N, C-alpha and C. Protein backbone atom coordinates (compact mmCIF):
# COMPACT_ATOMS: atom_id res chain seq x y z
N MET A 1 168.37 97.67 126.89
CA MET A 1 167.32 97.25 125.98
C MET A 1 167.60 97.80 124.58
N ASN A 2 167.40 96.99 123.57
CA ASN A 2 167.64 97.38 122.18
C ASN A 2 166.49 98.25 121.67
N PRO A 3 166.78 99.48 121.26
CA PRO A 3 165.70 100.36 120.79
C PRO A 3 165.27 100.08 119.35
N TYR A 4 165.90 99.12 118.70
CA TYR A 4 165.62 98.86 117.28
C TYR A 4 164.74 97.63 117.10
N GLN A 5 163.92 97.67 116.07
CA GLN A 5 163.04 96.56 115.71
C GLN A 5 163.40 96.11 114.30
N THR A 6 163.60 94.80 114.14
CA THR A 6 163.85 94.25 112.81
C THR A 6 162.55 93.76 112.22
N TYR A 7 162.31 94.11 110.98
CA TYR A 7 161.12 93.68 110.25
C TYR A 7 161.58 92.82 109.08
N TYR A 8 161.02 91.63 108.98
CA TYR A 8 161.30 90.72 107.87
C TYR A 8 160.12 90.84 106.91
N LEU A 9 160.40 91.22 105.68
CA LEU A 9 159.33 91.46 104.70
C LEU A 9 159.45 90.49 103.54
N ARG A 10 158.28 90.02 103.07
CA ARG A 10 158.24 89.16 101.88
C ARG A 10 157.22 89.74 100.91
N PHE A 11 157.70 90.05 99.72
CA PHE A 11 156.86 90.57 98.65
C PHE A 11 156.64 89.48 97.62
N ASN A 12 155.65 89.63 96.78
CA ASN A 12 155.40 88.66 95.72
C ASN A 12 156.48 88.70 94.65
N SER A 13 157.09 89.88 94.45
CA SER A 13 158.09 90.05 93.39
C SER A 13 158.99 91.23 93.72
N GLN A 14 160.08 91.33 92.99
CA GLN A 14 160.98 92.46 93.12
C GLN A 14 160.26 93.74 92.72
N GLU A 15 159.46 93.66 91.68
CA GLU A 15 158.72 94.84 91.21
C GLU A 15 157.78 95.38 92.28
N GLU A 16 157.08 94.47 92.97
CA GLU A 16 156.18 94.89 94.04
C GLU A 16 156.97 95.55 95.17
N ALA A 17 158.11 94.96 95.52
CA ALA A 17 158.95 95.52 96.58
C ALA A 17 159.43 96.92 96.21
N GLU A 18 159.91 97.08 95.00
CA GLU A 18 160.42 98.38 94.57
C GLU A 18 159.30 99.43 94.53
N THR A 19 158.12 99.03 94.12
CA THR A 19 156.98 99.95 94.11
C THR A 19 156.68 100.43 95.52
N LYS A 20 156.63 99.51 96.47
CA LYS A 20 156.32 99.86 97.86
C LYS A 20 157.44 100.67 98.50
N LEU A 21 158.70 100.30 98.23
CA LEU A 21 159.82 101.08 98.79
C LEU A 21 159.84 102.49 98.22
N THR A 22 159.47 102.64 96.97
CA THR A 22 159.37 103.98 96.37
C THR A 22 158.25 104.77 97.03
N GLU A 23 157.14 104.10 97.28
CA GLU A 23 155.97 104.74 97.90
C GLU A 23 156.31 105.34 99.27
N VAL A 24 157.17 104.68 100.04
CA VAL A 24 157.54 105.19 101.36
C VAL A 24 158.87 105.95 101.34
N SER A 25 159.36 106.25 100.15
CA SER A 25 160.61 107.02 99.94
C SER A 25 161.85 106.31 100.46
N TYR A 26 161.86 104.97 100.42
CA TYR A 26 163.04 104.20 100.81
C TYR A 26 163.87 103.80 99.59
N LYS A 27 163.35 104.01 98.40
CA LYS A 27 164.10 103.74 97.17
C LYS A 27 164.39 105.06 96.50
N ARG A 28 165.65 105.26 96.15
CA ARG A 28 166.03 106.51 95.50
C ARG A 28 166.91 106.21 94.31
N THR A 29 166.79 107.06 93.30
CA THR A 29 167.62 106.96 92.11
C THR A 29 168.28 108.30 91.89
N GLU A 30 169.59 108.28 91.71
CA GLU A 30 170.36 109.50 91.46
C GLU A 30 171.35 109.24 90.33
N THR A 31 171.77 110.31 89.69
CA THR A 31 172.76 110.20 88.63
C THR A 31 174.11 110.64 89.18
N PHE A 32 175.10 109.78 89.02
CA PHE A 32 176.45 110.05 89.49
C PHE A 32 177.40 109.82 88.35
N GLU A 33 178.13 110.86 87.97
CA GLU A 33 179.08 110.81 86.86
C GLU A 33 178.44 110.22 85.60
N GLY A 34 177.21 110.66 85.33
CA GLY A 34 176.51 110.25 84.12
C GLY A 34 175.83 108.89 84.18
N THR A 35 175.94 108.21 85.31
CA THR A 35 175.33 106.89 85.45
C THR A 35 174.23 106.94 86.49
N GLU A 36 173.05 106.46 86.10
CA GLU A 36 171.94 106.41 87.04
C GLU A 36 172.14 105.25 88.01
N GLN A 37 172.03 105.54 89.31
CA GLN A 37 172.22 104.53 90.34
C GLN A 37 171.02 104.51 91.27
N THR A 38 170.59 103.32 91.63
CA THR A 38 169.48 103.15 92.55
C THR A 38 170.03 102.65 93.87
N PHE A 39 169.52 103.23 94.96
CA PHE A 39 169.91 102.74 96.27
C PHE A 39 168.73 102.83 97.21
N TYR A 40 168.83 102.11 98.31
CA TYR A 40 167.75 101.99 99.28
C TYR A 40 168.25 102.52 100.61
N THR A 41 167.48 103.41 101.20
CA THR A 41 167.90 104.01 102.46
C THR A 41 166.69 104.50 103.25
N VAL A 42 166.80 104.45 104.55
CA VAL A 42 165.77 104.99 105.44
C VAL A 42 166.13 106.44 105.69
N THR A 43 165.21 107.35 105.42
CA THR A 43 165.52 108.76 105.58
C THR A 43 164.66 109.44 106.65
N ASP A 44 163.59 108.79 107.09
CA ASP A 44 162.67 109.44 108.03
C ASP A 44 162.95 109.10 109.49
N GLN A 45 163.89 108.19 109.74
CA GLN A 45 164.25 107.79 111.10
C GLN A 45 165.55 106.99 111.04
N VAL A 46 166.08 106.63 112.20
CA VAL A 46 167.30 105.82 112.24
C VAL A 46 166.95 104.40 111.82
N GLY A 47 167.71 103.86 110.86
CA GLY A 47 167.44 102.50 110.41
C GLY A 47 168.29 102.12 109.22
N ASP A 48 168.06 100.91 108.73
CA ASP A 48 168.80 100.42 107.57
C ASP A 48 167.96 99.38 106.84
N ILE A 49 168.34 99.14 105.59
CA ILE A 49 167.62 98.20 104.73
C ILE A 49 168.62 97.17 104.20
N ASP A 50 168.21 95.91 104.23
CA ASP A 50 169.01 94.81 103.70
C ASP A 50 168.18 94.13 102.61
N ILE A 51 168.54 94.36 101.36
CA ILE A 51 167.85 93.74 100.24
C ILE A 51 168.40 92.32 100.08
N ILE A 52 167.57 91.33 100.28
CA ILE A 52 168.00 89.94 100.16
C ILE A 52 167.60 89.38 98.81
N GLY A 53 166.38 89.64 98.39
CA GLY A 53 165.91 89.13 97.10
C GLY A 53 165.42 87.70 97.21
N ASP A 54 165.80 86.87 96.23
CA ASP A 54 165.40 85.47 96.22
C ASP A 54 166.17 84.69 97.27
N ILE A 55 165.48 83.73 97.90
CA ILE A 55 166.10 82.82 98.85
C ILE A 55 165.81 81.40 98.36
N TYR A 56 166.80 80.54 98.45
CA TYR A 56 166.66 79.16 98.00
C TYR A 56 166.71 78.20 99.18
N ASN A 57 165.92 77.14 99.09
CA ASN A 57 165.92 76.09 100.10
C ASN A 57 167.22 75.31 100.04
N ASP A 58 167.49 74.60 101.11
CA ASP A 58 168.70 73.78 101.20
C ASP A 58 168.35 72.35 100.78
N ASP A 59 167.77 72.21 99.59
CA ASP A 59 167.32 70.90 99.15
C ASP A 59 167.95 70.46 97.82
N GLY A 60 169.00 71.14 97.42
CA GLY A 60 169.70 70.76 96.20
C GLY A 60 170.45 69.45 96.38
N VAL A 61 170.60 68.72 95.30
CA VAL A 61 171.34 67.45 95.34
C VAL A 61 172.58 67.61 94.46
N TYR A 62 173.75 67.22 95.01
CA TYR A 62 175.02 67.41 94.32
C TYR A 62 175.80 66.11 94.27
N ASP A 63 176.55 65.92 93.21
CA ASP A 63 177.43 64.76 93.09
C ASP A 63 178.52 64.91 94.15
N GLU A 64 178.70 63.87 94.97
CA GLU A 64 179.66 63.94 96.07
C GLU A 64 181.11 64.02 95.63
N GLU A 65 181.41 63.57 94.43
CA GLU A 65 182.79 63.60 93.96
C GLU A 65 183.11 64.84 93.13
N THR A 66 182.20 65.21 92.24
CA THR A 66 182.46 66.35 91.34
C THR A 66 181.79 67.63 91.80
N PHE A 67 180.86 67.51 92.75
CA PHE A 67 180.07 68.64 93.27
C PHE A 67 179.18 69.27 92.21
N GLU A 68 178.97 68.57 91.11
CA GLU A 68 178.06 69.06 90.08
C GLU A 68 176.63 68.95 90.59
N VAL A 69 175.80 69.86 90.12
CA VAL A 69 174.40 69.88 90.54
C VAL A 69 173.65 68.75 89.84
N ILE A 70 173.01 67.92 90.64
CA ILE A 70 172.14 66.88 90.11
C ILE A 70 170.71 67.43 90.08
N THR A 71 170.28 67.98 91.20
CA THR A 71 168.97 68.63 91.30
C THR A 71 169.19 69.99 91.95
N PRO A 72 168.86 71.08 91.26
CA PRO A 72 169.09 72.41 91.85
C PRO A 72 168.15 72.67 93.03
N PRO A 73 168.57 73.52 93.96
CA PRO A 73 167.70 73.86 95.08
C PRO A 73 166.45 74.59 94.58
N THR A 74 165.38 74.45 95.33
CA THR A 74 164.13 75.11 94.97
C THR A 74 164.07 76.49 95.60
N LYS A 75 163.40 77.40 94.92
CA LYS A 75 163.27 78.78 95.38
C LYS A 75 162.11 78.89 96.37
N MET A 76 162.35 79.60 97.45
CA MET A 76 161.26 79.90 98.39
C MET A 76 160.34 80.93 97.75
N ASP A 77 159.11 80.97 98.22
CA ASP A 77 158.16 81.96 97.72
C ASP A 77 158.62 83.36 98.09
N GLY A 78 158.41 84.30 97.19
CA GLY A 78 158.59 85.71 97.50
C GLY A 78 159.95 86.29 97.19
N TRP A 79 160.03 87.59 97.47
CA TRP A 79 161.25 88.39 97.30
C TRP A 79 161.45 89.09 98.63
N HIS A 80 162.60 88.97 99.25
CA HIS A 80 162.78 89.26 100.67
C HIS A 80 163.64 90.50 100.95
N ILE A 81 163.21 91.23 101.97
CA ILE A 81 163.92 92.42 102.44
C ILE A 81 163.84 92.46 103.96
N ASN A 82 164.95 92.80 104.62
CA ASN A 82 164.96 93.05 106.05
C ASN A 82 165.13 94.55 106.27
N ILE A 83 164.39 95.07 107.23
CA ILE A 83 164.52 96.48 107.59
C ILE A 83 164.63 96.58 109.10
N ILE A 84 165.59 97.36 109.57
CA ILE A 84 165.72 97.61 111.00
C ILE A 84 165.45 99.10 111.23
N LEU A 85 164.61 99.39 112.22
CA LEU A 85 164.20 100.77 112.48
C LEU A 85 164.17 101.07 113.97
N GLU A 86 164.41 102.33 114.28
CA GLU A 86 164.28 102.77 115.66
C GLU A 86 162.80 102.99 115.99
N GLY A 87 162.01 103.29 114.98
CA GLY A 87 160.59 103.52 115.18
C GLY A 87 159.76 102.48 114.46
N SER A 88 158.57 102.88 114.06
CA SER A 88 157.62 101.97 113.43
C SER A 88 157.86 101.84 111.93
N LEU A 89 157.48 100.69 111.40
CA LEU A 89 157.52 100.44 109.97
C LEU A 89 156.38 101.23 109.32
N PRO A 90 156.63 101.88 108.18
CA PRO A 90 155.55 102.61 107.51
C PRO A 90 154.34 101.71 107.22
N GLU A 91 153.17 102.28 107.33
CA GLU A 91 151.91 101.55 107.14
C GLU A 91 151.87 100.79 105.82
N ALA A 92 152.39 101.38 104.75
CA ALA A 92 152.35 100.76 103.42
C ALA A 92 153.14 99.46 103.34
N LEU A 93 154.03 99.22 104.31
CA LEU A 93 154.84 97.99 104.30
C LEU A 93 154.36 96.94 105.30
N GLN A 94 153.43 97.31 106.16
CA GLN A 94 152.98 96.43 107.24
C GLN A 94 152.44 95.09 106.74
N GLU A 95 151.72 95.09 105.64
CA GLU A 95 151.09 93.84 105.16
C GLU A 95 152.11 92.81 104.68
N PHE A 96 153.36 93.19 104.52
CA PHE A 96 154.39 92.29 104.00
C PHE A 96 155.25 91.66 105.09
N ILE A 97 154.95 91.97 106.36
CA ILE A 97 155.72 91.43 107.47
C ILE A 97 155.48 89.92 107.58
N VAL A 98 156.58 89.18 107.72
CA VAL A 98 156.52 87.74 107.99
C VAL A 98 157.39 87.47 109.22
N THR A 99 157.20 86.31 109.82
CA THR A 99 157.97 85.93 111.00
C THR A 99 158.67 84.60 110.72
N PRO A 100 159.87 84.65 110.14
CA PRO A 100 160.57 83.41 109.83
C PRO A 100 161.06 82.71 111.10
N GLN A 101 161.02 81.37 111.09
CA GLN A 101 161.55 80.61 112.22
C GLN A 101 163.05 80.78 112.33
N SER A 102 163.72 80.73 111.21
CA SER A 102 165.18 80.91 111.15
C SER A 102 165.48 81.91 110.05
N PRO A 103 165.58 83.19 110.39
CA PRO A 103 165.84 84.20 109.35
C PRO A 103 167.08 83.87 108.54
N TYR A 104 166.99 84.08 107.23
CA TYR A 104 168.09 83.81 106.31
C TYR A 104 169.30 84.69 106.62
N ARG A 105 169.01 85.95 106.99
CA ARG A 105 170.07 86.90 107.32
C ARG A 105 169.51 87.85 108.40
N VAL A 106 170.36 88.25 109.35
CA VAL A 106 169.95 89.14 110.42
C VAL A 106 170.93 90.30 110.53
N PHE A 107 170.48 91.38 111.14
CA PHE A 107 171.38 92.49 111.44
C PHE A 107 172.21 92.12 112.67
N ALA A 108 173.49 92.49 112.65
CA ALA A 108 174.38 92.16 113.77
C ALA A 108 174.09 93.02 114.96
């Protein structure tokens, strides 16, 4: 039996996601060789974070000969993150859980 649970999260924006990830200590910023770097990591239990961001529908129209875009694909609502954890998702992130029929990306 797999001890891990995958959570698919959808936020209204990247800013909202970063605020919530900071709140649960999953977003960290450190300075390395004079450059500030931001990274996302689970520190309170075994797990990982997959920042997906914007997802686009498969509804774009392209010229069959030149492959030029005739109509660009439309953006799905929200800003997306997948989290896999051995334990429970922090309470502050629970309201953002969604259940996609066909997840855009999954953990292997």
